Amino acid sequence: MPTAILLFGGEPSKYKERIAEQLQELWKYAEGVAKDELQNKENIDFKEIDSEKVNQTIEKINEVLKDKKVSSKVRQKLNYAKKNWADNLDKYKKQQEILEGRNSYSKTDTDATFMRMKEDHMRNKQLKPAYNLQISTHKQFILYYSIHPNPTDTKTLESHLQGFEESYHKVQKELVADAGYGSEENYKLLKSKK
């Protein structure tokens, strides 16, 4: 069993769209086969679907097509849809909630994000579940640290500084960081804090 859920570009929403498209195709097919039973009685919007709507629509299609001559491929698709689509939509919804704006998470540690490690002894650029640790120091003493699920430093600065300020009740006078923090948002943040 894989330990990773890698979802780039909001994959759960793409899967949901695909289910909506296929459900709409089945509905149109059912309308074509059983015009009298479905014509102008139902106006279903397939843009926003959930597991309950999928189950209701598939039941309605099966009910309308039960006495009609229908190809075996359509029957197979309806059976598959009835068994899987509603559960899949619930699964995709849970995955979106876990992701919280990230593009991946580990099944064994859902707070961890998959990142490329600098110390990859195999040199195969393997992704591994990890956290991004940020540290504030002064004269080689660690004053504050924060842990983030973001793989890049550009998205960690604001929350790290906020945590530091809440811990010490003051704003840092000076900040030294590498180029990994360089983003327009971070420059605006630093300018606003003077």
N, C-alpha and C. Protein backbone atom coordinates (compact mmCIF):
# COMPACT_ATOMS: atom_id res chain seq x y z
N MET A 1 0.85 -1.19 0.00
CA MET A 1 0.00 0.00 0.00
C MET A 1 0.89 1.24 0.00
N PRO A 2 0.66 2.17 -0.93
CA PRO A 2 1.50 3.36 -0.97
C PRO A 2 1.28 4.23 0.25
N THR A 3 2.34 4.92 0.66
CA THR A 3 2.24 5.78 1.83
C THR A 3 2.04 7.23 1.45
N ALA A 4 1.88 7.51 0.17
CA ALA A 4 1.81 8.90 -0.27
C ALA A 4 0.51 9.19 -1.00
N ILE A 5 0.05 10.38 -0.80
CA ILE A 5 -1.02 10.93 -1.62
C ILE A 5 -0.39 12.14 -2.29
N LEU A 6 -0.06 12.02 -3.56
CA LEU A 6 0.51 13.14 -4.30
C LEU A 6 -0.58 13.70 -5.20
N LEU A 7 -0.97 14.90 -4.93
CA LEU A 7 -2.06 15.51 -5.67
C LEU A 7 -1.63 16.88 -6.15
N PHE A 8 -1.18 16.94 -7.36
CA PHE A 8 -0.71 18.20 -7.91
C PHE A 8 -1.83 18.87 -8.68
N GLY A 9 -2.01 20.16 -8.47
CA GLY A 9 -3.01 20.92 -9.22
C GLY A 9 -4.43 20.61 -8.81
N GLY A 10 -4.66 20.24 -7.56
CA GLY A 10 -6.02 20.02 -7.09
C GLY A 10 -6.68 18.82 -7.70
N GLU A 11 -6.01 17.70 -7.77
CA GLU A 11 -6.54 16.51 -8.42
C GLU A 11 -7.92 16.08 -7.94
N PRO A 12 -8.23 16.12 -6.62
CA PRO A 12 -9.56 15.69 -6.23
C PRO A 12 -10.66 16.45 -6.96
N SER A 13 -10.49 17.73 -7.20
CA SER A 13 -11.50 18.49 -7.92
C SER A 13 -11.60 18.04 -9.38
N LYS A 14 -10.48 17.64 -9.97
CA LYS A 14 -10.52 17.13 -11.34
C LYS A 14 -11.28 15.81 -11.41
N TYR A 15 -11.08 14.94 -10.41
CA TYR A 15 -11.81 13.67 -10.37
C TYR A 15 -13.30 13.93 -10.19
N LYS A 16 -13.63 14.90 -9.36
CA LYS A 16 -15.04 15.26 -9.14
C LYS A 16 -15.67 15.76 -10.44
N GLU A 17 -14.92 16.58 -11.18
CA GLU A 17 -15.41 17.07 -12.48
C GLU A 17 -15.64 15.93 -13.45
N ARG A 18 -14.73 14.95 -13.45
CA ARG A 18 -14.86 13.81 -14.35
C ARG A 18 -16.11 12.99 -14.01
N ILE A 19 -16.38 12.80 -12.71
CA ILE A 19 -17.59 12.08 -12.31
C ILE A 19 -18.82 12.86 -12.76
N ALA A 20 -18.81 14.18 -12.59
CA ALA A 20 -19.95 15.01 -13.01
C ALA A 20 -20.18 14.89 -14.52
N GLU A 21 -19.10 14.91 -15.31
CA GLU A 21 -19.23 14.77 -16.76
C GLU A 21 -19.82 13.42 -17.15
N GLN A 22 -19.33 12.36 -16.53
CA GLN A 22 -19.81 11.02 -16.85
C GLN A 22 -21.26 10.84 -16.40
N LEU A 23 -21.62 11.43 -15.27
CA LEU A 23 -23.01 11.36 -14.80
C LEU A 23 -23.93 12.09 -15.76
N GLN A 24 -23.47 13.22 -16.27
CA GLN A 24 -24.26 13.97 -17.24
C GLN A 24 -24.42 13.18 -18.53
N GLU A 25 -23.35 12.50 -18.98
CA GLU A 25 -23.44 11.65 -20.17
C GLU A 25 -24.47 10.53 -19.98
N LEU A 26 -24.45 9.90 -18.81
CA LEU A 26 -25.42 8.83 -18.52
C LEU A 26 -26.84 9.39 -18.52
N TRP A 27 -27.00 10.58 -17.95
CA TRP A 27 -28.32 11.21 -17.91
C TRP A 27 -28.82 11.49 -19.33
N LYS A 28 -27.95 12.04 -20.17
CA LYS A 28 -28.34 12.33 -21.56
C LYS A 28 -28.68 11.05 -22.31
N TYR A 29 -27.91 9.99 -22.05
CA TYR A 29 -28.20 8.70 -22.68
C TYR A 29 -29.58 8.21 -22.24
N ALA A 30 -29.86 8.31 -20.92
CA ALA A 30 -31.16 7.88 -20.41
C ALA A 30 -32.29 8.71 -21.02
N GLU A 31 -32.05 10.01 -21.18
CA GLU A 31 -33.06 10.87 -21.83
C GLU A 31 -33.31 10.43 -23.27
N GLY A 32 -32.24 10.05 -23.96
CA GLY A 32 -32.38 9.60 -25.34
C GLY A 32 -33.15 8.30 -25.47
N VAL A 33 -32.96 7.40 -24.52
CA VAL A 33 -33.63 6.10 -24.55
C VAL A 33 -35.06 6.19 -24.03
N ALA A 34 -35.27 6.98 -23.00
CA ALA A 34 -36.58 7.07 -22.36
C ALA A 34 -37.08 8.50 -22.38
N LYS A 35 -37.31 9.01 -23.56
CA LYS A 35 -37.71 10.42 -23.73
C LYS A 35 -38.96 10.78 -22.95
N ASP A 36 -39.99 9.93 -23.03
CA ASP A 36 -41.27 10.24 -22.40
C ASP A 36 -41.16 10.33 -20.88
N GLU A 37 -40.37 9.43 -20.28
CA GLU A 37 -40.27 9.40 -18.81
C GLU A 37 -39.47 10.57 -18.25
N LEU A 38 -38.46 11.05 -18.97
CA LEU A 38 -37.56 12.07 -18.43
C LEU A 38 -37.73 13.46 -19.03
N GLN A 39 -38.40 13.56 -20.16
CA GLN A 39 -38.44 14.83 -20.87
C GLN A 39 -39.09 15.93 -20.04
N ASN A 40 -38.32 16.99 -19.81
CA ASN A 40 -38.75 18.21 -19.11
C ASN A 40 -39.27 17.99 -17.68
N LYS A 41 -39.07 16.82 -17.13
CA LYS A 41 -39.49 16.59 -15.74
C LYS A 41 -38.38 16.91 -14.76
N GLU A 42 -37.17 16.74 -15.18
CA GLU A 42 -36.03 16.97 -14.30
C GLU A 42 -35.08 17.96 -14.96
N ASN A 43 -34.66 18.94 -14.20
CA ASN A 43 -33.64 19.87 -14.67
C ASN A 43 -32.46 19.77 -13.70
N ILE A 44 -31.55 18.86 -14.00
CA ILE A 44 -30.45 18.59 -13.08
C ILE A 44 -29.22 19.38 -13.50
N ASP A 45 -28.61 20.03 -12.51
CA ASP A 45 -27.37 20.76 -12.72
C ASP A 45 -26.22 19.88 -12.25
N PHE A 46 -25.31 19.55 -13.16
CA PHE A 46 -24.21 18.64 -12.83
C PHE A 46 -22.94 19.38 -12.44
N LYS A 47 -23.00 20.70 -12.29
CA LYS A 47 -21.80 21.46 -11.91
C LYS A 47 -21.46 21.26 -10.45
N GLU A 48 -22.47 21.23 -9.59
CA GLU A 48 -22.27 21.00 -8.16
C GLU A 48 -22.88 19.66 -7.80
N ILE A 49 -22.02 18.68 -7.56
CA ILE A 49 -22.53 17.36 -7.20
C ILE A 49 -21.93 16.93 -5.86
N ASP A 50 -22.69 16.08 -5.18
CA ASP A 50 -22.19 15.44 -3.96
C ASP A 50 -22.64 13.99 -4.00
N SER A 51 -22.26 13.22 -3.00
CA SER A 51 -22.54 11.79 -3.02
C SER A 51 -24.04 11.50 -3.02
N GLU A 52 -24.81 12.30 -2.31
CA GLU A 52 -26.26 12.09 -2.28
C GLU A 52 -26.89 12.33 -3.66
N LYS A 53 -26.47 13.41 -4.31
CA LYS A 53 -27.01 13.73 -5.64
C LYS A 53 -26.62 12.65 -6.65
N VAL A 54 -25.40 12.14 -6.55
CA VAL A 54 -24.96 11.07 -7.45
C VAL A 54 -25.83 9.84 -7.26
N ASN A 55 -26.05 9.44 -6.00
CA ASN A 55 -26.88 8.26 -5.74
C ASN A 55 -28.30 8.44 -6.25
N GLN A 56 -28.89 9.60 -6.01
CA GLN A 56 -30.25 9.87 -6.47
C GLN A 56 -30.34 9.82 -7.99
N THR A 57 -29.38 10.42 -8.67
CA THR A 57 -29.40 10.47 -10.13
C THR A 57 -29.23 9.07 -10.71
N ILE A 58 -28.32 8.29 -10.17
CA ILE A 58 -28.10 6.93 -10.68
C ILE A 58 -29.33 6.07 -10.44
N GLU A 59 -29.97 6.22 -9.28
CA GLU A 59 -31.21 5.48 -9.01
C GLU A 59 -32.28 5.83 -10.03
N LYS A 60 -32.41 7.13 -10.31
CA LYS A 60 -33.42 7.59 -11.28
C LYS A 60 -33.13 7.02 -12.67
N ILE A 61 -31.85 7.05 -13.06
CA ILE A 61 -31.47 6.51 -14.38
C ILE A 61 -31.76 5.02 -14.43
N ASN A 62 -31.38 4.28 -13.39
CA ASN A 62 -31.64 2.84 -13.36
C ASN A 62 -33.13 2.54 -13.40
N GLU A 63 -33.92 3.33 -12.69
CA GLU A 63 -35.37 3.16 -12.67
C GLU A 63 -35.97 3.35 -14.07
N VAL A 64 -35.51 4.39 -14.75
CA VAL A 64 -36.04 4.70 -16.08
C VAL A 64 -35.60 3.65 -17.11
N LEU A 65 -34.38 3.14 -16.96
CA LEU A 65 -33.83 2.22 -17.96
C LEU A 65 -34.09 0.74 -17.65
N LYS A 66 -34.74 0.42 -16.53
CA LYS A 66 -34.85 -0.98 -16.12
C LYS A 66 -35.58 -1.85 -17.14
N ASP A 67 -36.59 -1.34 -17.83
CA ASP A 67 -37.34 -2.13 -18.81
C ASP A 67 -36.93 -1.84 -20.25
N LYS A 68 -35.90 -1.02 -20.43
CA LYS A 68 -35.46 -0.62 -21.76
C LYS A 68 -34.29 -1.49 -22.21
N LYS A 69 -34.14 -1.55 -23.52
CA LYS A 69 -32.99 -2.26 -24.08
C LYS A 69 -31.79 -1.31 -24.03
N VAL A 70 -30.79 -1.68 -23.23
CA VAL A 70 -29.63 -0.83 -23.00
C VAL A 70 -28.37 -1.67 -23.22
N SER A 71 -27.35 -1.06 -23.81
CA SER A 71 -26.10 -1.79 -24.06
C SER A 71 -25.45 -2.24 -22.75
N SER A 72 -24.70 -3.32 -22.84
CA SER A 72 -24.04 -3.87 -21.65
C SER A 72 -23.00 -2.88 -21.09
N LYS A 73 -22.38 -2.09 -21.95
CA LYS A 73 -21.39 -1.10 -21.48
C LYS A 73 -22.05 -0.07 -20.57
N VAL A 74 -23.24 0.38 -20.95
CA VAL A 74 -23.96 1.36 -20.13
C VAL A 74 -24.36 0.73 -18.80
N ARG A 75 -24.85 -0.52 -18.83
CA ARG A 75 -25.21 -1.22 -17.59
C ARG A 75 -23.98 -1.36 -16.68
N GLN A 76 -22.83 -1.70 -17.26
CA GLN A 76 -21.60 -1.84 -16.48
C GLN A 76 -21.22 -0.50 -15.85
N LYS A 77 -21.32 0.56 -16.65
CA LYS A 77 -20.96 1.89 -16.14
C LYS A 77 -21.90 2.30 -15.01
N LEU A 78 -23.19 2.03 -15.16
CA LEU A 78 -24.14 2.36 -14.10
C LEU A 78 -23.86 1.57 -12.83
N ASN A 79 -23.54 0.27 -12.98
CA ASN A 79 -23.21 -0.54 -11.81
C ASN A 79 -21.95 -0.03 -11.13
N TYR A 80 -20.94 0.30 -11.93
CA TYR A 80 -19.70 0.85 -11.38
C TYR A 80 -19.98 2.17 -10.66
N ALA A 81 -20.76 3.03 -11.31
CA ALA A 81 -21.09 4.33 -10.72
C ALA A 81 -21.82 4.16 -9.40
N LYS A 82 -22.76 3.24 -9.37
CA LYS A 82 -23.55 3.01 -8.15
C LYS A 82 -22.65 2.52 -7.01
N LYS A 83 -21.70 1.66 -7.33
CA LYS A 83 -20.82 1.09 -6.30
C LYS A 83 -19.73 2.05 -5.86
N ASN A 84 -19.24 2.92 -6.74
CA ASN A 84 -18.01 3.67 -6.45
C ASN A 84 -18.12 5.19 -6.38
N TRP A 85 -18.92 5.82 -7.21
CA TRP A 85 -18.84 7.27 -7.36
C TRP A 85 -19.14 8.04 -6.08
N ALA A 86 -20.18 7.66 -5.34
CA ALA A 86 -20.52 8.39 -4.12
C ALA A 86 -19.39 8.29 -3.09
N ASP A 87 -18.86 7.08 -2.93
CA ASP A 87 -17.74 6.89 -1.99
C ASP A 87 -16.51 7.68 -2.45
N ASN A 88 -16.26 7.68 -3.75
CA ASN A 88 -15.11 8.43 -4.27
C ASN A 88 -15.26 9.92 -4.01
N LEU A 89 -16.45 10.46 -4.19
CA LEU A 89 -16.67 11.88 -3.92
C LEU A 89 -16.41 12.21 -2.45
N ASP A 90 -16.85 11.34 -1.56
CA ASP A 90 -16.58 11.55 -0.13
C ASP A 90 -15.08 11.49 0.14
N LYS A 91 -14.39 10.54 -0.51
CA LYS A 91 -12.94 10.40 -0.34
C LYS A 91 -12.22 11.65 -0.85
N TYR A 92 -12.62 12.16 -2.01
CA TYR A 92 -11.98 13.36 -2.58
C TYR A 92 -12.20 14.57 -1.68
N LYS A 93 -13.39 14.66 -1.09
CA LYS A 93 -13.70 15.77 -0.19
C LYS A 93 -12.77 15.73 1.04
N LYS A 94 -12.57 14.55 1.61
CA LYS A 94 -11.67 14.40 2.75
C LYS A 94 -10.24 14.75 2.37
N GLN A 95 -9.81 14.33 1.18
CA GLN A 95 -8.45 14.64 0.72
C GLN A 95 -8.26 16.14 0.58
N GLN A 96 -9.24 16.84 0.03
CA GLN A 96 -9.15 18.30 -0.10
C GLN A 96 -9.02 18.97 1.26
N GLU A 97 -9.77 18.46 2.25
CA GLU A 97 -9.69 19.03 3.59
C GLU A 97 -8.31 18.82 4.20
N ILE A 98 -7.72 17.65 3.98
CA ILE A 98 -6.39 17.36 4.52
C ILE A 98 -5.34 18.22 3.83
N LEU A 99 -5.47 18.41 2.53
CA LEU A 99 -4.46 19.16 1.77
C LEU A 99 -4.31 20.60 2.25
N GLU A 100 -5.40 21.28 2.54
CA GLU A 100 -5.37 22.67 3.00
C GLU A 100 -4.43 23.54 2.17
N GLY A 101 -4.55 23.52 0.85
CA GLY A 101 -3.74 24.37 -0.01
C GLY A 101 -2.41 23.78 -0.40
N ARG A 102 -2.05 22.63 0.13
CA ARG A 102 -0.80 21.96 -0.27
C ARG A 102 -1.07 21.12 -1.50
N ASN A 103 -0.02 20.53 -2.08
CA ASN A 103 -0.22 19.67 -3.25
C ASN A 103 0.05 18.21 -2.95
N SER A 104 0.37 17.87 -1.69
CA SER A 104 0.62 16.47 -1.34
C SER A 104 0.54 16.30 0.17
N TYR A 105 0.37 15.04 0.58
CA TYR A 105 0.48 14.68 1.98
C TYR A 105 0.79 13.20 2.10
N SER A 106 1.29 12.81 3.25
CA SER A 106 1.63 11.42 3.51
C SER A 106 0.45 10.73 4.18
N LYS A 107 0.15 9.51 3.78
CA LYS A 107 -0.94 8.78 4.42
C LYS A 107 -0.61 8.45 5.87
N THR A 108 0.66 8.25 6.17
CA THR A 108 1.06 7.89 7.52
C THR A 108 1.22 9.11 8.43
N ASP A 109 1.41 10.29 7.87
CA ASP A 109 1.50 11.54 8.63
C ASP A 109 0.89 12.63 7.76
N THR A 110 -0.39 12.84 7.90
CA THR A 110 -1.11 13.74 6.99
C THR A 110 -0.68 15.20 7.11
N ASP A 111 0.04 15.55 8.17
CA ASP A 111 0.54 16.92 8.30
C ASP A 111 1.82 17.13 7.49
N ALA A 112 2.49 16.05 7.11
CA ALA A 112 3.74 16.15 6.35
C ALA A 112 3.45 16.32 4.87
N THR A 113 4.30 17.11 4.20
CA THR A 113 4.20 17.35 2.77
C THR A 113 5.40 16.69 2.10
N PHE A 114 5.21 16.17 0.89
CA PHE A 114 6.32 15.55 0.18
C PHE A 114 7.24 16.62 -0.40
N MET A 115 8.54 16.49 -0.08
CA MET A 115 9.53 17.48 -0.50
C MET A 115 10.77 16.76 -1.01
N ARG A 116 11.52 17.45 -1.86
CA ARG A 116 12.80 16.93 -2.32
C ARG A 116 13.86 17.24 -1.27
N MET A 117 14.61 16.23 -0.89
CA MET A 117 15.63 16.38 0.15
C MET A 117 16.99 16.72 -0.45
N LYS A 118 17.73 17.62 0.19
CA LYS A 118 19.08 17.95 -0.27
C LYS A 118 20.02 16.79 0.01
N GLU A 119 19.82 16.09 1.12
CA GLU A 119 20.69 14.97 1.49
C GLU A 119 20.12 13.66 0.97
N ASP A 120 19.90 13.56 -0.31
CA ASP A 120 19.38 12.35 -0.92
C ASP A 120 20.57 11.46 -1.29
N HIS A 121 20.90 10.48 -0.45
CA HIS A 121 22.09 9.67 -0.67
C HIS A 121 22.02 8.84 -1.95
N MET A 122 20.80 8.56 -2.43
CA MET A 122 20.65 7.80 -3.68
C MET A 122 20.77 8.70 -4.91
N ARG A 123 20.70 10.00 -4.71
CA ARG A 123 20.78 11.00 -5.78
C ARG A 123 19.73 10.76 -6.89
N ASN A 124 18.55 10.30 -6.46
CA ASN A 124 17.49 10.06 -7.43
C ASN A 124 16.33 11.05 -7.28
N LYS A 125 16.57 12.11 -6.54
CA LYS A 125 15.60 13.19 -6.34
C LYS A 125 14.24 12.66 -5.87
N GLN A 126 14.30 11.69 -4.98
CA GLN A 126 13.09 11.09 -4.44
C GLN A 126 12.36 12.06 -3.51
N LEU A 127 11.06 12.08 -3.61
CA LEU A 127 10.25 12.88 -2.70
C LEU A 127 10.06 12.12 -1.41
N LYS A 128 10.15 12.82 -0.28
CA LYS A 128 9.96 12.19 1.02
C LYS A 128 9.06 13.07 1.87
N PRO A 129 8.24 12.46 2.75
CA PRO A 129 7.41 13.28 3.63
C PRO A 129 8.31 14.05 4.59
N ALA A 130 8.02 15.35 4.73
CA ALA A 130 8.90 16.18 5.55
C ALA A 130 8.16 17.44 6.01
N TYR A 131 8.85 18.19 6.85
CA TYR A 131 8.40 19.50 7.32
C TYR A 131 9.49 20.51 7.02
N ASN A 132 9.11 21.76 6.95
CA ASN A 132 10.06 22.84 6.72
C ASN A 132 10.27 23.56 8.05
N LEU A 133 11.46 23.42 8.61
CA LEU A 133 11.81 24.00 9.91
C LEU A 133 12.43 25.38 9.70
N GLN A 134 11.92 26.38 10.41
CA GLN A 134 12.44 27.74 10.37
C GLN A 134 12.99 28.08 11.75
N ILE A 135 14.15 28.75 11.80
CA ILE A 135 14.79 29.06 13.07
C ILE A 135 15.19 30.54 13.10
N SER A 136 14.89 31.21 14.21
CA SER A 136 15.38 32.57 14.46
C SER A 136 16.49 32.47 15.50
N THR A 137 17.63 33.07 15.20
CA THR A 137 18.77 33.02 16.13
C THR A 137 19.28 34.42 16.41
N HIS A 138 20.04 34.51 17.48
CA HIS A 138 20.75 35.74 17.83
C HIS A 138 22.04 35.31 18.52
N LYS A 139 23.18 35.70 17.92
CA LYS A 139 24.50 35.34 18.44
C LYS A 139 24.61 33.83 18.69
N GLN A 140 24.16 33.08 17.74
CA GLN A 140 24.21 31.62 17.70
C GLN A 140 23.31 30.93 18.73
N PHE A 141 22.39 31.64 19.33
CA PHE A 141 21.42 31.05 20.23
C PHE A 141 20.07 30.99 19.50
N ILE A 142 19.40 29.85 19.60
CA ILE A 142 18.08 29.72 18.97
C ILE A 142 17.07 30.42 19.87
N LEU A 143 16.41 31.42 19.30
CA LEU A 143 15.39 32.18 20.03
C LEU A 143 13.99 31.66 19.77
N TYR A 144 13.76 31.19 18.55
CA TYR A 144 12.42 30.77 18.17
C TYR A 144 12.52 29.82 16.98
N TYR A 145 11.61 28.86 16.92
CA TYR A 145 11.53 27.99 15.74
C TYR A 145 10.06 27.75 15.41
N SER A 146 9.81 27.42 14.15
CA SER A 146 8.46 27.07 13.71
C SER A 146 8.56 25.97 12.65
N ILE A 147 7.54 25.16 12.59
CA ILE A 147 7.52 24.03 11.65
C ILE A 147 6.35 24.24 10.69
N HIS A 148 6.62 24.06 9.40
CA HIS A 148 5.63 24.34 8.36
C HIS A 148 5.50 23.17 7.39
N PRO A 149 4.30 22.99 6.81
CA PRO A 149 4.13 21.95 5.80
C PRO A 149 4.48 22.44 4.39
N ASN A 150 4.85 23.70 4.25
CA ASN A 150 5.17 24.27 2.93
C ASN A 150 6.59 23.88 2.53
N PRO A 151 6.79 23.42 1.31
CA PRO A 151 8.14 23.03 0.89
C PRO A 151 9.07 24.21 0.61
N THR A 152 8.53 25.39 0.38
CA THR A 152 9.39 26.54 0.06
C THR A 152 9.38 27.56 1.18
N ASP A 153 10.49 28.26 1.34
CA ASP A 153 10.61 29.26 2.39
C ASP A 153 9.77 30.51 2.12
N THR A 154 9.42 30.75 0.87
CA THR A 154 8.67 31.97 0.55
C THR A 154 7.33 32.02 1.27
N LYS A 155 6.77 30.86 1.63
CA LYS A 155 5.45 30.82 2.27
C LYS A 155 5.52 30.67 3.78
N THR A 156 6.69 30.69 4.37
CA THR A 156 6.82 30.46 5.81
C THR A 156 7.15 31.71 6.61
N LEU A 157 7.64 32.73 5.97
CA LEU A 157 8.16 33.90 6.69
C LEU A 157 7.09 34.60 7.53
N GLU A 158 5.94 34.86 6.96
CA GLU A 158 4.91 35.62 7.67
C GLU A 158 4.49 34.94 8.96
N SER A 159 4.17 33.64 8.90
CA SER A 159 3.72 32.96 10.12
C SER A 159 4.86 32.79 11.11
N HIS A 160 6.09 32.62 10.61
CA HIS A 160 7.24 32.51 11.51
C HIS A 160 7.46 33.81 12.28
N LEU A 161 7.43 34.93 11.56
CA LEU A 161 7.60 36.23 12.22
C LEU A 161 6.46 36.51 13.20
N GLN A 162 5.25 36.14 12.82
CA GLN A 162 4.10 36.35 13.70
C GLN A 162 4.28 35.55 15.00
N GLY A 163 4.74 34.30 14.89
CA GLY A 163 4.98 33.48 16.08
C GLY A 163 6.06 34.08 16.96
N PHE A 164 7.12 34.58 16.33
CA PHE A 164 8.21 35.22 17.09
C PHE A 164 7.68 36.43 17.85
N GLU A 165 6.92 37.26 17.15
CA GLU A 165 6.38 38.48 17.76
C GLU A 165 5.44 38.16 18.92
N GLU A 166 4.64 37.11 18.79
CA GLU A 166 3.73 36.71 19.86
C GLU A 166 4.50 36.17 21.06
N SER A 167 5.61 35.48 20.80
CA SER A 167 6.41 34.92 21.90
C SER A 167 7.18 35.98 22.66
N TYR A 168 7.73 36.98 21.96
CA TYR A 168 8.58 38.00 22.58
C TYR A 168 7.92 39.37 22.72
N HIS A 169 6.71 39.51 22.21
CA HIS A 169 5.95 40.77 22.28
C HIS A 169 6.73 41.95 21.72
N LYS A 170 7.48 41.69 20.66
CA LYS A 170 8.16 42.78 19.96
C LYS A 170 8.50 42.34 18.53
N VAL A 171 8.73 43.32 17.69
CA VAL A 171 9.07 43.09 16.29
C VAL A 171 10.60 43.06 16.17
N GLN A 172 11.09 42.14 15.35
CA GLN A 172 12.54 42.07 15.14
C GLN A 172 13.02 43.35 14.45
N LYS A 173 14.19 43.84 14.85
CA LYS A 173 14.75 45.05 14.24
C LYS A 173 15.46 44.72 12.94
N GLU A 174 16.04 43.54 12.87
CA GLU A 174 16.86 43.17 11.71
C GLU A 174 16.56 41.74 11.33
N LEU A 175 16.58 41.49 10.04
CA LEU A 175 16.33 40.13 9.55
C LEU A 175 17.33 39.82 8.46
N VAL A 176 18.01 38.69 8.60
CA VAL A 176 18.95 38.23 7.58
C VAL A 176 18.47 36.86 7.13
N ALA A 177 18.27 36.70 5.82
CA ALA A 177 17.78 35.43 5.29
C ALA A 177 18.38 35.21 3.90
N ASP A 178 18.33 33.97 3.43
CA ASP A 178 18.86 33.68 2.10
C ASP A 178 17.82 33.99 1.02
N ALA A 179 18.18 33.77 -0.21
CA ALA A 179 17.32 34.12 -1.35
C ALA A 179 16.03 33.31 -1.41
N GLY A 180 15.97 32.21 -0.68
CA GLY A 180 14.77 31.38 -0.67
C GLY A 180 13.54 32.10 -0.15
N TYR A 181 13.73 33.18 0.58
CA TYR A 181 12.63 33.96 1.12
C TYR A 181 12.19 35.07 0.17
N GLY A 182 12.90 35.25 -0.91
CA GLY A 182 12.64 36.35 -1.83
C GLY A 182 11.35 36.18 -2.61
N SER A 183 10.34 36.93 -2.21
CA SER A 183 9.08 36.97 -2.95
C SER A 183 8.47 38.35 -2.75
N GLU A 184 7.61 38.72 -3.67
CA GLU A 184 6.98 40.03 -3.58
C GLU A 184 6.18 40.17 -2.28
N GLU A 185 5.48 39.09 -1.90
CA GLU A 185 4.69 39.12 -0.67
C GLU A 185 5.58 39.34 0.55
N ASN A 186 6.74 38.66 0.58
CA ASN A 186 7.64 38.82 1.73
C ASN A 186 8.25 40.21 1.78
N TYR A 187 8.60 40.79 0.61
CA TYR A 187 9.13 42.15 0.60
C TYR A 187 8.09 43.15 1.09
N LYS A 188 6.83 42.96 0.70
CA LYS A 188 5.76 43.85 1.17
C LYS A 188 5.55 43.70 2.67
N LEU A 189 5.63 42.45 3.15
CA LEU A 189 5.48 42.19 4.58
C LEU A 189 6.58 42.91 5.37
N LEU A 190 7.82 42.75 4.92
CA LEU A 190 8.93 43.39 5.63
C LEU A 190 8.85 44.92 5.57
N LYS A 191 8.39 45.43 4.44
CA LYS A 191 8.24 46.88 4.31
C LYS A 191 7.17 47.39 5.29
N SER A 192 6.09 46.63 5.42
CA SER A 192 5.02 47.06 6.34
C SER A 192 5.49 47.01 7.80
N LYS A 193 6.44 46.14 8.10
CA LYS A 193 6.98 46.06 9.47
C LYS A 193 8.19 46.97 9.67
N LYS A 194 8.57 47.67 8.59
CA LYS A 194 9.72 48.61 8.59
C LYS A 194 11.01 47.92 8.97
